Full PDB file with SEQRES, HELIX, SHEET, SSBOND, CRYST1, ORIGX, SCALE, CONECT and MASTER records, all heavy atoms in Angstrom:
SEQRES   1 A   39  ARG THR ALA MET GLU ALA LEU LEU ASP GLU ALA GLN ARG          
SEQRES   2 A   39  THR TYR PRO GLN GLN PRO GLU GLY PRO ASP ASP LEU TRP          
SEQRES   3 A   39  TRP LEU PRO ARG HIS LEU GLY GLY THR ALA PRO THR LEU          
HELIX    1 AA1 THR A    2  ARG A   13  1                                  12    
HELIX    2 AA2 PRO A   22  ASP A   24  5                                   3    
HELIX    3 AA3 ARG A   30  LEU A   32  5                                   3    
CRYST1    1.000    1.000    1.000  90.00  90.00  90.00 P 1           1          
ORIGX1      1.000000  0.000000  0.000000        0.00000                         
ORIGX2      0.000000  1.000000  0.000000        0.00000                         
ORIGX3      0.000000  0.000000  1.000000        0.00000                         
SCALE1      1.000000  0.000000  0.000000        0.00000                         
SCALE2      0.000000  1.000000  0.000000        0.00000                         
SCALE3      0.000000  0.000000  1.000000        0.00000                         
ATOM      1  N   ARG A   1       3.599  17.241   6.084  1.00  0.00           N  
ATOM      2  CA  ARG A   1       3.622  15.797   6.283  1.00  0.00           C  
ATOM      3  C   ARG A   1       2.207  15.223   6.455  1.00  0.00           C  
ATOM      4  O   ARG A   1       1.861  14.197   5.860  1.00  0.00           O  
ATOM      5  CB  ARG A   1       4.473  15.442   7.497  1.00  0.00           C  
ATOM      6  CG  ARG A   1       4.561  13.941   7.739  1.00  0.00           C  
ATOM      7  CD  ARG A   1       5.275  13.584   9.031  1.00  0.00           C  
ATOM      8  NE  ARG A   1       5.261  12.137   9.205  1.00  0.00           N  
ATOM      9  CZ  ARG A   1       6.182  11.295   8.744  1.00  0.00           C  
ATOM     10  NH1 ARG A   1       7.234  11.791   8.094  1.00  0.00           N  
ATOM     11  NH2 ARG A   1       6.085   9.992   8.927  1.00  0.00           N  
ATOM     12  N   THR A   2       1.399  15.896   7.248  1.00  0.00           N  
ATOM     13  CA  THR A   2       0.023  15.440   7.455  1.00  0.00           C  
ATOM     14  C   THR A   2      -0.733  15.361   6.131  1.00  0.00           C  
ATOM     15  O   THR A   2      -1.458  14.391   5.863  1.00  0.00           O  
ATOM     16  CB  THR A   2      -0.702  16.385   8.428  1.00  0.00           C  
ATOM     17  OG1 THR A   2      -0.043  16.345   9.696  1.00  0.00           O  
ATOM     18  CG2 THR A   2      -2.161  15.981   8.602  1.00  0.00           C  
ATOM     19  N   ALA A   3      -0.567  16.384   5.294  1.00  0.00           N  
ATOM     20  CA  ALA A   3      -1.254  16.402   3.996  1.00  0.00           C  
ATOM     21  C   ALA A   3      -0.724  15.302   3.081  1.00  0.00           C  
ATOM     22  O   ALA A   3      -1.504  14.619   2.393  1.00  0.00           O  
ATOM     23  CB  ALA A   3      -1.075  17.763   3.336  1.00  0.00           C  
ATOM     24  N   MET A   4       0.592  15.105   3.070  1.00  0.00           N  
ATOM     25  CA  MET A   4       1.176  14.050   2.234  1.00  0.00           C  
ATOM     26  C   MET A   4       0.690  12.662   2.662  1.00  0.00           C  
ATOM     27  O   MET A   4       0.375  11.817   1.821  1.00  0.00           O  
ATOM     28  CB  MET A   4       2.700  14.122   2.290  1.00  0.00           C  
ATOM     29  CG  MET A   4       3.302  15.287   1.522  1.00  0.00           C  
ATOM     30  SD  MET A   4       5.100  15.449   1.802  1.00  0.00           S  
ATOM     31  CE  MET A   4       5.690  13.830   1.326  1.00  0.00           C  
ATOM     32  N   GLU A   5       0.631  12.435   3.952  1.00  0.00           N  
ATOM     33  CA  GLU A   5       0.170  11.137   4.453  1.00  0.00           C  
ATOM     34  C   GLU A   5      -1.295  10.887   4.078  1.00  0.00           C  
ATOM     35  O   GLU A   5      -1.661   9.763   3.703  1.00  0.00           O  
ATOM     36  CB  GLU A   5       0.356  11.067   5.963  1.00  0.00           C  
ATOM     37  CG  GLU A   5       1.813  10.932   6.395  1.00  0.00           C  
ATOM     38  CD  GLU A   5       1.980  10.927   7.900  1.00  0.00           C  
ATOM     39  OE1 GLU A   5       1.153  11.557   8.594  1.00  0.00           O  
ATOM     40  OE2 GLU A   5       2.946  10.306   8.378  1.00  0.00           O  
ATOM     41  N   ALA A   6      -2.118  11.925   4.176  1.00  0.00           N  
ATOM     42  CA  ALA A   6      -3.521  11.773   3.826  1.00  0.00           C  
ATOM     43  C   ALA A   6      -3.684  11.485   2.327  1.00  0.00           C  
ATOM     44  O   ALA A   6      -4.497  10.629   1.934  1.00  0.00           O  
ATOM     45  CB  ALA A   6      -4.297  13.034   4.200  1.00  0.00           C  
ATOM     46  N   LEU A   7      -2.906  12.163   1.497  1.00  0.00           N  
ATOM     47  CA  LEU A   7      -2.975  11.935   0.058  1.00  0.00           C  
ATOM     48  C   LEU A   7      -2.482  10.538  -0.309  1.00  0.00           C  
ATOM     49  O   LEU A   7      -3.081   9.864  -1.151  1.00  0.00           O  
ATOM     50  CB  LEU A   7      -2.151  12.994  -0.677  1.00  0.00           C  
ATOM     51  CG  LEU A   7      -2.728  14.412  -0.678  1.00  0.00           C  
ATOM     52  CD1 LEU A   7      -1.677  15.406  -1.154  1.00  0.00           C  
ATOM     53  CD2 LEU A   7      -3.974  14.496  -1.562  1.00  0.00           C  
ATOM     54  N   LEU A   8      -1.393  10.112   0.322  1.00  0.00           N  
ATOM     55  CA  LEU A   8      -0.879   8.775   0.032  1.00  0.00           C  
ATOM     56  C   LEU A   8      -1.877   7.708   0.468  1.00  0.00           C  
ATOM     57  O   LEU A   8      -2.090   6.711  -0.249  1.00  0.00           O  
ATOM     58  CB  LEU A   8       0.471   8.567   0.729  1.00  0.00           C  
ATOM     59  CG  LEU A   8       1.118   7.191   0.509  1.00  0.00           C  
ATOM     60  CD1 LEU A   8       1.330   6.915  -0.974  1.00  0.00           C  
ATOM     61  CD2 LEU A   8       2.439   7.089   1.276  1.00  0.00           C  
ATOM     62  N   ASP A   9      -2.494   7.903   1.616  1.00  0.00           N  
ATOM     63  CA  ASP A   9      -3.504   6.950   2.081  1.00  0.00           C  
ATOM     64  C   ASP A   9      -4.652   6.863   1.075  1.00  0.00           C  
ATOM     65  O   ASP A   9      -5.128   5.761   0.754  1.00  0.00           O  
ATOM     66  CB  ASP A   9      -4.026   7.377   3.454  1.00  0.00           C  
ATOM     67  CG  ASP A   9      -5.054   6.400   4.000  1.00  0.00           C  
ATOM     68  OD1 ASP A   9      -4.678   5.265   4.335  1.00  0.00           O  
ATOM     69  OD2 ASP A   9      -6.251   6.760   4.079  1.00  0.00           O  
ATOM     70  N   GLU A  10      -5.081   8.019   0.571  1.00  0.00           N  
ATOM     71  CA  GLU A  10      -6.162   8.016  -0.424  1.00  0.00           C  
ATOM     72  C   GLU A  10      -5.722   7.319  -1.707  1.00  0.00           C  
ATOM     73  O   GLU A  10      -6.477   6.536  -2.300  1.00  0.00           O  
ATOM     74  CB  GLU A  10      -6.599   9.451  -0.727  1.00  0.00           C  
ATOM     75  CG  GLU A  10      -7.728   9.543  -1.730  1.00  0.00           C  
ATOM     76  CD  GLU A  10      -8.135  10.975  -2.061  1.00  0.00           C  
ATOM     77  OE1 GLU A  10      -7.637  11.903  -1.384  1.00  0.00           O  
ATOM     78  OE2 GLU A  10      -8.925  11.156  -2.999  1.00  0.00           O  
ATOM     79  N   ALA A  11      -4.486   7.610  -2.151  1.00  0.00           N  
ATOM     80  CA  ALA A  11      -3.989   6.982  -3.380  1.00  0.00           C  
ATOM     81  C   ALA A  11      -3.913   5.470  -3.234  1.00  0.00           C  
ATOM     82  O   ALA A  11      -4.285   4.721  -4.162  1.00  0.00           O  
ATOM     83  CB  ALA A  11      -2.604   7.546  -3.716  1.00  0.00           C  
ATOM     84  N   GLN A  12      -3.451   4.994  -2.075  1.00  0.00           N  
ATOM     85  CA  GLN A  12      -3.335   3.551  -1.859  1.00  0.00           C  
ATOM     86  C   GLN A  12      -4.702   2.878  -1.790  1.00  0.00           C  
ATOM     87  O   GLN A  12      -4.902   1.800  -2.365  1.00  0.00           O  
ATOM     88  CB  GLN A  12      -2.542   3.287  -0.580  1.00  0.00           C  
ATOM     89  CG  GLN A  12      -1.072   3.671  -0.688  1.00  0.00           C  
ATOM     90  CD  GLN A  12      -0.360   3.620   0.656  1.00  0.00           C  
ATOM     91  OE1 GLN A  12      -0.983   3.723   1.720  1.00  0.00           O  
ATOM     92  NE2 GLN A  12       0.956   3.475   0.632  1.00  0.00           N  
ATOM     93  N   ARG A  13      -5.629   3.504  -1.101  1.00  0.00           N  
ATOM     94  CA  ARG A  13      -6.927   2.868  -0.872  1.00  0.00           C  
ATOM     95  C   ARG A  13      -7.857   2.943  -2.088  1.00  0.00           C  
ATOM     96  O   ARG A  13      -8.817   2.177  -2.185  1.00  0.00           O  
ATOM     97  CB  ARG A  13      -7.590   3.460   0.371  1.00  0.00           C  
ATOM     98  CG  ARG A  13      -6.810   3.161   1.647  1.00  0.00           C  
ATOM     99  CD  ARG A  13      -7.510   3.607   2.906  1.00  0.00           C  
ATOM    100  NE  ARG A  13      -6.672   3.377   4.072  1.00  0.00           N  
ATOM    101  CZ  ARG A  13      -6.514   2.206   4.687  1.00  0.00           C  
ATOM    102  NH1 ARG A  13      -7.159   1.146   4.228  1.00  0.00           N  
ATOM    103  NH2 ARG A  13      -5.721   2.080   5.736  1.00  0.00           N  
ATOM    104  N   THR A  14      -7.588   3.876  -3.003  1.00  0.00           N  
ATOM    105  CA  THR A  14      -8.420   3.964  -4.214  1.00  0.00           C  
ATOM    106  C   THR A  14      -7.708   3.397  -5.439  1.00  0.00           C  
ATOM    107  O   THR A  14      -8.224   3.500  -6.552  1.00  0.00           O  
ATOM    108  CB  THR A  14      -8.796   5.434  -4.493  1.00  0.00           C  
ATOM    109  OG1 THR A  14      -7.606   6.217  -4.701  1.00  0.00           O  
ATOM    110  CG2 THR A  14      -9.591   6.016  -3.337  1.00  0.00           C  
ATOM    111  N   TYR A  15      -6.535   2.809  -5.239  1.00  0.00           N  
ATOM    112  CA  TYR A  15      -5.775   2.242  -6.348  1.00  0.00           C  
ATOM    113  C   TYR A  15      -6.591   1.123  -7.010  1.00  0.00           C  
ATOM    114  O   TYR A  15      -7.111   0.240  -6.325  1.00  0.00           O  
ATOM    115  CB  TYR A  15      -4.437   1.716  -5.840  1.00  0.00           C  
ATOM    116  CG  TYR A  15      -3.465   1.307  -6.903  1.00  0.00           C  
ATOM    117  CD1 TYR A  15      -2.881   2.263  -7.735  1.00  0.00           C  
ATOM    118  CD2 TYR A  15      -3.107  -0.033  -7.066  1.00  0.00           C  
ATOM    119  CE1 TYR A  15      -1.967   1.894  -8.716  1.00  0.00           C  
ATOM    120  CE2 TYR A  15      -2.191  -0.413  -8.038  1.00  0.00           C  
ATOM    121  CZ  TYR A  15      -1.622   0.556  -8.862  1.00  0.00           C  
ATOM    122  OH  TYR A  15      -0.718   0.178  -9.820  1.00  0.00           O  
ATOM    123  N   PRO A  16      -6.709   1.136  -8.336  1.00  0.00           N  
ATOM    124  CA  PRO A  16      -7.659   0.228  -8.998  1.00  0.00           C  
ATOM    125  C   PRO A  16      -7.174  -1.201  -9.206  1.00  0.00           C  
ATOM    126  O   PRO A  16      -7.960  -2.045  -9.663  1.00  0.00           O  
ATOM    127  CB  PRO A  16      -7.888   0.912 -10.347  1.00  0.00           C  
ATOM    128  CG  PRO A  16      -6.602   1.619 -10.613  1.00  0.00           C  
ATOM    129  CD  PRO A  16      -6.130   2.103  -9.280  1.00  0.00           C  
ATOM    130  N   GLN A  17      -5.907  -1.505  -8.917  1.00  0.00           N  
ATOM    131  CA  GLN A  17      -5.396  -2.843  -9.144  1.00  0.00           C  
ATOM    132  C   GLN A  17      -4.970  -3.502  -7.829  1.00  0.00           C  
ATOM    133  O   GLN A  17      -4.601  -2.804  -6.889  1.00  0.00           O  
ATOM    134  CB  GLN A  17      -4.218  -2.808 -10.125  1.00  0.00           C  
ATOM    135  CG  GLN A  17      -4.632  -2.316 -11.520  1.00  0.00           C  
ATOM    136  CD  GLN A  17      -3.459  -2.150 -12.470  1.00  0.00           C  
ATOM    137  OE1 GLN A  17      -2.307  -2.029 -12.058  1.00  0.00           O  
ATOM    138  NE2 GLN A  17      -3.757  -2.136 -13.763  1.00  0.00           N  
ATOM    139  N   GLN A  18      -5.021  -4.812  -7.794  1.00  0.00           N  
ATOM    140  CA  GLN A  18      -4.697  -5.586  -6.598  1.00  0.00           C  
ATOM    141  C   GLN A  18      -3.561  -6.569  -6.906  1.00  0.00           C  
ATOM    142  O   GLN A  18      -3.317  -6.901  -8.077  1.00  0.00           O  
ATOM    143  CB  GLN A  18      -5.937  -6.351  -6.108  1.00  0.00           C  
ATOM    144  CG  GLN A  18      -7.093  -5.461  -5.691  1.00  0.00           C  
ATOM    145  CD  GLN A  18      -6.739  -4.568  -4.519  1.00  0.00           C  
ATOM    146  OE1 GLN A  18      -6.064  -4.995  -3.570  1.00  0.00           O  
ATOM    147  NE2 GLN A  18      -7.185  -3.318  -4.559  1.00  0.00           N  
ATOM    148  N   PRO A  19      -2.863  -7.021  -5.871  1.00  0.00           N  
ATOM    149  CA  PRO A  19      -1.817  -8.035  -6.092  1.00  0.00           C  
ATOM    150  C   PRO A  19      -2.382  -9.269  -6.789  1.00  0.00           C  
ATOM    151  O   PRO A  19      -3.540  -9.648  -6.588  1.00  0.00           O  
ATOM    152  CB  PRO A  19      -1.344  -8.359  -4.665  1.00  0.00           C  
ATOM    153  CG  PRO A  19      -1.661  -7.131  -3.878  1.00  0.00           C  
ATOM    154  CD  PRO A  19      -2.934  -6.601  -4.455  1.00  0.00           C  
ATOM    155  N   GLU A  20      -1.542  -9.901  -7.605  1.00  0.00           N  
ATOM    156  CA  GLU A  20      -1.987 -11.046  -8.382  1.00  0.00           C  
ATOM    157  C   GLU A  20      -1.852 -12.360  -7.621  1.00  0.00           C  
ATOM    158  O   GLU A  20      -2.220 -13.406  -8.132  1.00  0.00           O  
ATOM    159  CB  GLU A  20      -1.195 -11.104  -9.695  1.00  0.00           C  
ATOM    160  CG  GLU A  20      -1.436  -9.886 -10.579  1.00  0.00           C  
ATOM    161  CD  GLU A  20      -0.524  -9.843 -11.788  1.00  0.00           C  
ATOM    162  OE1 GLU A  20       0.315 -10.770 -11.934  1.00  0.00           O  
ATOM    163  OE2 GLU A  20      -0.638  -8.905 -12.598  1.00  0.00           O  
ATOM    164  N   GLY A  21      -1.321 -12.303  -6.410  1.00  0.00           N  
ATOM    165  CA  GLY A  21      -1.187 -13.514  -5.607  1.00  0.00           C  
ATOM    166  C   GLY A  21      -0.231 -13.280  -4.463  1.00  0.00           C  
ATOM    167  O   GLY A  21       0.307 -12.169  -4.286  1.00  0.00           O  
ATOM    168  N   PRO A  22       0.039 -14.293  -3.651  1.00  0.00           N  
ATOM    169  CA  PRO A  22       0.921 -14.139  -2.496  1.00  0.00           C  
ATOM    170  C   PRO A  22       2.321 -13.641  -2.840  1.00  0.00           C  
ATOM    171  O   PRO A  22       2.950 -12.944  -2.039  1.00  0.00           O  
ATOM    172  CB  PRO A  22       0.964 -15.555  -1.896  1.00  0.00           C  
ATOM    173  CG  PRO A  22      -0.287 -16.207  -2.387  1.00  0.00           C  
ATOM    174  CD  PRO A  22      -0.545 -15.648  -3.740  1.00  0.00           C  
ATOM    175  N   ASP A  23       2.830 -13.983  -4.023  1.00  0.00           N  
ATOM    176  CA  ASP A  23       4.165 -13.558  -4.418  1.00  0.00           C  
ATOM    177  C   ASP A  23       4.188 -12.119  -4.939  1.00  0.00           C  
ATOM    178  O   ASP A  23       5.257 -11.606  -5.268  1.00  0.00           O  
ATOM    179  CB  ASP A  23       4.718 -14.493  -5.508  1.00  0.00           C  
ATOM    180  CG  ASP A  23       4.955 -15.899  -4.988  1.00  0.00           C  
ATOM    181  OD1 ASP A  23       5.157 -16.049  -3.766  1.00  0.00           O  
ATOM    182  OD2 ASP A  23       4.921 -16.849  -5.812  1.00  0.00           O  
ATOM    183  N   ASP A  24       3.018 -11.513  -5.028  1.00  0.00           N  
ATOM    184  CA  ASP A  24       2.924 -10.152  -5.576  1.00  0.00           C  
ATOM    185  C   ASP A  24       2.517  -9.137  -4.505  1.00  0.00           C  
ATOM    186  O   ASP A  24       2.020  -8.058  -4.820  1.00  0.00           O  
ATOM    187  CB  ASP A  24       1.902 -10.139  -6.727  1.00  0.00           C  
ATOM    188  CG  ASP A  24       1.987  -8.871  -7.568  1.00  0.00           C  
ATOM    189  OD1 ASP A  24       3.114  -8.368  -7.774  1.00  0.00           O  
ATOM    190  OD2 ASP A  24       0.938  -8.374  -7.987  1.00  0.00           O  
ATOM    191  N   LEU A  25       2.755  -9.484  -3.256  1.00  0.00           N  
ATOM    192  CA  LEU A  25       2.387  -8.578  -2.153  1.00  0.00           C  
ATOM    193  C   LEU A  25       3.500  -7.597  -1.794  1.00  0.00           C  
ATOM    194  O   LEU A  25       3.298  -6.744  -0.933  1.00  0.00           O  
ATOM    195  CB  LEU A  25       2.021  -9.400  -0.910  1.00  0.00           C  
ATOM    196  CG  LEU A  25       0.730 -10.225  -0.986  1.00  0.00           C  
ATOM    197  CD1 LEU A  25       0.640 -11.139   0.231  1.00  0.00           C  
ATOM    198  CD2 LEU A  25      -0.478  -9.311  -1.064  1.00  0.00           C  
ATOM    199  N   TRP A  26       4.641  -7.700  -2.451  1.00  0.00           N  
ATOM    200  CA  TRP A  26       5.801  -6.906  -2.071  1.00  0.00           C  
ATOM    201  C   TRP A  26       5.565  -5.407  -2.218  1.00  0.00           C  
ATOM    202  O   TRP A  26       6.196  -4.599  -1.511  1.00  0.00           O  
ATOM    203  CB  TRP A  26       7.008  -7.313  -2.917  1.00  0.00           C  
ATOM    204  CG  TRP A  26       6.860  -7.000  -4.372  1.00  0.00           C  
ATOM    205  CD1 TRP A  26       6.380  -7.815  -5.346  1.00  0.00           C  
ATOM    206  CD2 TRP A  26       7.182  -5.754  -5.027  1.00  0.00           C  
ATOM    207  NE1 TRP A  26       6.369  -7.183  -6.563  1.00  0.00           N  
ATOM    208  CE2 TRP A  26       6.866  -5.921  -6.400  1.00  0.00           C  
ATOM    209  CE3 TRP A  26       7.708  -4.544  -4.594  1.00  0.00           C  
ATOM    210  CZ2 TRP A  26       7.050  -4.906  -7.319  1.00  0.00           C  
ATOM    211  CZ3 TRP A  26       7.904  -3.522  -5.514  1.00  0.00           C  
ATOM    212  CH2 TRP A  26       7.582  -3.710  -6.859  1.00  0.00           C  
ATOM    213  N   TRP A  27       4.681  -4.995  -3.126  1.00  0.00           N  
ATOM    214  CA  TRP A  27       4.501  -3.574  -3.390  1.00  0.00           C  
ATOM    215  C   TRP A  27       3.467  -2.913  -2.501  1.00  0.00           C  
ATOM    216  O   TRP A  27       3.198  -1.710  -2.619  1.00  0.00           O  
ATOM    217  CB  TRP A  27       4.170  -3.314  -4.865  1.00  0.00           C  
ATOM    218  CG  TRP A  27       2.995  -4.051  -5.428  1.00  0.00           C  
ATOM    219  CD1 TRP A  27       3.001  -5.292  -6.005  1.00  0.00           C  
ATOM    220  CD2 TRP A  27       1.634  -3.594  -5.507  1.00  0.00           C  
ATOM    221  NE1 TRP A  27       1.722  -5.636  -6.424  1.00  0.00           N  
ATOM    222  CE2 TRP A  27       0.871  -4.612  -6.127  1.00  0.00           C  
ATOM    223  CE3 TRP A  27       0.994  -2.420  -5.097  1.00  0.00           C  
ATOM    224  CZ2 TRP A  27      -0.487  -4.486  -6.372  1.00  0.00           C  
ATOM    225  CZ3 TRP A  27      -0.364  -2.289  -5.329  1.00  0.00           C  
ATOM    226  CH2 TRP A  27      -1.093  -3.315  -5.955  1.00  0.00           C  
ATOM    227  N   LEU A  28       2.892  -3.667  -1.567  1.00  0.00           N  
ATOM    228  CA  LEU A  28       1.963  -3.087  -0.600  1.00  0.00           C  
ATOM    229  C   LEU A  28       2.645  -2.939   0.757  1.00  0.00           C  
ATOM    230  O   LEU A  28       3.386  -3.819   1.185  1.00  0.00           O  
ATOM    231  CB  LEU A  28       0.738  -3.992  -0.440  1.00  0.00           C  
ATOM    232  CG  LEU A  28      -0.311  -3.976  -1.552  1.00  0.00           C  
ATOM    233  CD1 LEU A  28      -1.451  -4.920  -1.191  1.00  0.00           C  
ATOM    234  CD2 LEU A  28      -0.844  -2.583  -1.800  1.00  0.00           C  
ATOM    235  N   PRO A  29       2.366  -1.819   1.465  1.00  0.00           N  
ATOM    236  CA  PRO A  29       2.923  -1.662   2.818  1.00  0.00           C  
ATOM    237  C   PRO A  29       2.277  -2.646   3.794  1.00  0.00           C  
ATOM    238  O   PRO A  29       1.209  -3.205   3.514  1.00  0.00           O  
ATOM    239  CB  PRO A  29       2.582  -0.214   3.163  1.00  0.00           C  
ATOM    240  CG  PRO A  29       1.387   0.110   2.330  1.00  0.00           C  
ATOM    241  CD  PRO A  29       1.552  -0.664   1.057  1.00  0.00           C  
ATOM    242  N   ARG A  30       2.908  -2.837   4.925  1.00  0.00           N  
ATOM    243  CA  ARG A  30       2.439  -3.825   5.893  1.00  0.00           C  
ATOM    244  C   ARG A  30       1.014  -3.543   6.363  1.00  0.00           C  
ATOM    245  O   ARG A  30       0.224  -4.473   6.526  1.00  0.00           O  
ATOM    246  CB  ARG A  30       3.381  -3.855   7.099  1.00  0.00           C  
ATOM    247  CG  ARG A  30       4.749  -4.413   6.816  1.00  0.00           C  
ATOM    248  CD  ARG A  30       4.754  -5.924   6.657  1.00  0.00           C  
ATOM    249  NE  ARG A  30       6.085  -6.409   6.397  1.00  0.00           N  
ATOM    250  CZ  ARG A  30       6.957  -6.756   7.333  1.00  0.00           C  
ATOM    251  NH1 ARG A  30       6.614  -6.671   8.613  1.00  0.00           N  
ATOM    252  NH2 ARG A  30       8.160  -7.169   7.013  1.00  0.00           N  
ATOM    253  N   HIS A  31       0.682  -2.259   6.581  1.00  0.00           N  
ATOM    254  CA  HIS A  31      -0.629  -1.965   7.149  1.00  0.00           C  
ATOM    255  C   HIS A  31      -1.774  -2.239   6.171  1.00  0.00           C  
ATOM    256  O   HIS A  31      -2.935  -2.234   6.564  1.00  0.00           O  
ATOM    257  CB  HIS A  31      -0.699  -0.510   7.651  1.00  0.00           C  
ATOM    258  CG  HIS A  31      -0.714   0.522   6.565  1.00  0.00           C  
ATOM    259  ND1 HIS A  31       0.436   0.990   5.968  1.00  0.00           N  
ATOM    260  CD2 HIS A  31      -1.740   1.187   5.980  1.00  0.00           C  
ATOM    261  CE1 HIS A  31       0.119   1.897   5.067  1.00  0.00           C  
ATOM    262  NE2 HIS A  31      -1.191   2.032   5.051  1.00  0.00           N  
ATOM    263  N   LEU A  32      -1.422  -2.495   4.902  1.00  0.00           N  
ATOM    264  CA  LEU A  32      -2.434  -2.869   3.920  1.00  0.00           C  
ATOM    265  C   LEU A  32      -2.333  -4.343   3.543  1.00  0.00           C  
ATOM    266  O   LEU A  32      -2.901  -4.776   2.543  1.00  0.00           O  
ATOM    267  CB  LEU A  32      -2.313  -1.993   2.667  1.00  0.00           C  
ATOM    268  CG  LEU A  32      -2.670  -0.505   2.848  1.00  0.00           C  
ATOM    269  CD1 LEU A  32      -2.503   0.253   1.541  1.00  0.00           C  
ATOM    270  CD2 LEU A  32      -4.102  -0.357   3.361  1.00  0.00           C  
ATOM    271  N   GLY A  33      -1.614  -5.111   4.380  1.00  0.00           N  
ATOM    272  CA  GLY A  33      -1.517  -6.540   4.139  1.00  0.00           C  
ATOM    273  C   GLY A  33      -0.387  -6.959   3.229  1.00  0.00           C  
ATOM    274  O   GLY A  33      -0.319  -8.137   2.825  1.00  0.00           O  
ATOM    275  N   GLY A  34       0.521  -6.033   2.898  1.00  0.00           N  
ATOM    276  CA  GLY A  34       1.644  -6.355   2.027  1.00  0.00           C  
ATOM    277  C   GLY A  34       2.840  -6.881   2.780  1.00  0.00           C  
ATOM    278  O   GLY A  34       2.831  -6.993   4.011  1.00  0.00           O  
ATOM    279  N   THR A  35       3.903  -7.147   2.029  1.00  0.00           N  
ATOM    280  CA  THR A  35       5.128  -7.685   2.625  1.00  0.00           C  
ATOM    281  C   THR A  35       6.301  -6.724   2.528  1.00  0.00           C  
ATOM    282  O   THR A  35       7.449  -7.123   2.704  1.00  0.00           O  
ATOM    283  CB  THR A  35       5.497  -9.017   1.952  1.00  0.00           C  
ATOM    284  OG1 THR A  35       5.657  -8.805   0.532  1.00  0.00           O  
ATOM    285  CG2 THR A  35       4.436 -10.072   2.189  1.00  0.00           C  
ATOM    286  N   ALA A  36       6.028  -5.447   2.210  1.00  0.00           N  
ATOM    287  CA  ALA A  36       7.104  -4.452   2.179  1.00  0.00           C  
ATOM    288  C   ALA A  36       7.709  -4.322   3.578  1.00  0.00           C  
ATOM    289  O   ALA A  36       7.050  -4.627   4.577  1.00  0.00           O  
ATOM    290  CB  ALA A  36       6.550  -3.113   1.715  1.00  0.00           C  
ATOM    291  N   PRO A  37       8.956  -3.877   3.684  1.00  0.00           N  
ATOM    292  CA  PRO A  37       9.562  -3.690   5.002  1.00  0.00           C  
ATOM    293  C   PRO A  37       8.772  -2.683   5.827  1.00  0.00           C  
ATOM    294  O   PRO A  37       8.121  -1.781   5.276  1.00  0.00           O  
ATOM    295  CB  PRO A  37      10.964  -3.149   4.674  1.00  0.00           C  
ATOM    296  CG  PRO A  37      11.197  -3.482   3.249  1.00  0.00           C  
ATOM    297  CD  PRO A  37       9.871  -3.510   2.582  1.00  0.00           C  
ATOM    298  N   THR A  38       8.820  -2.839   7.135  1.00  0.00           N  
ATOM    299  CA  THR A  38       8.239  -1.823   8.007  1.00  0.00           C  
ATOM    300  C   THR A  38       9.097  -0.564   7.907  1.00  0.00           C  
ATOM    301  O   THR A  38      10.207  -0.590   7.361  1.00  0.00           O  
ATOM    302  CB  THR A  38       8.191  -2.288   9.460  1.00  0.00           C  
ATOM    303  OG1 THR A  38       9.548  -2.476   9.926  1.00  0.00           O  
ATOM    304  CG2 THR A  38       7.416  -3.585   9.600  1.00  0.00           C  
ATOM    305  N   LEU A  39       8.609   0.533   8.468  1.00  0.00           N  
ATOM    306  CA  LEU A  39       9.372   1.777   8.447  1.00  0.00           C  
ATOM    307  C   LEU A  39      10.718   1.597   9.141  1.00  0.00           C  
ATOM    308  O   LEU A  39      11.746   2.094   8.662  1.00  0.00           O  
ATOM    309  CB  LEU A  39       8.559   2.887   9.136  1.00  0.00           C  
ATOM    310  CG  LEU A  39       8.983   4.340   8.881  1.00  0.00           C  
ATOM    311  CD1 LEU A  39       8.960   4.655   7.391  1.00  0.00           C  
ATOM    312  CD2 LEU A  39       8.063   5.292   9.624  1.00  0.00           C  
TER     313      LEU A  39                                                      
MASTER        0    0    0    3    0    0    0    6  312    1    0    3          
END                                                                             
């Protein structure tokens, strides 16, 4: 789990594309400023 979380964090933070506007925040988790549901 620790390794998976670290890899996912790296994948999210190095992802090359950003939301196109306020209506496109759904695919980001809350801790990265998105509007996806909390855990």
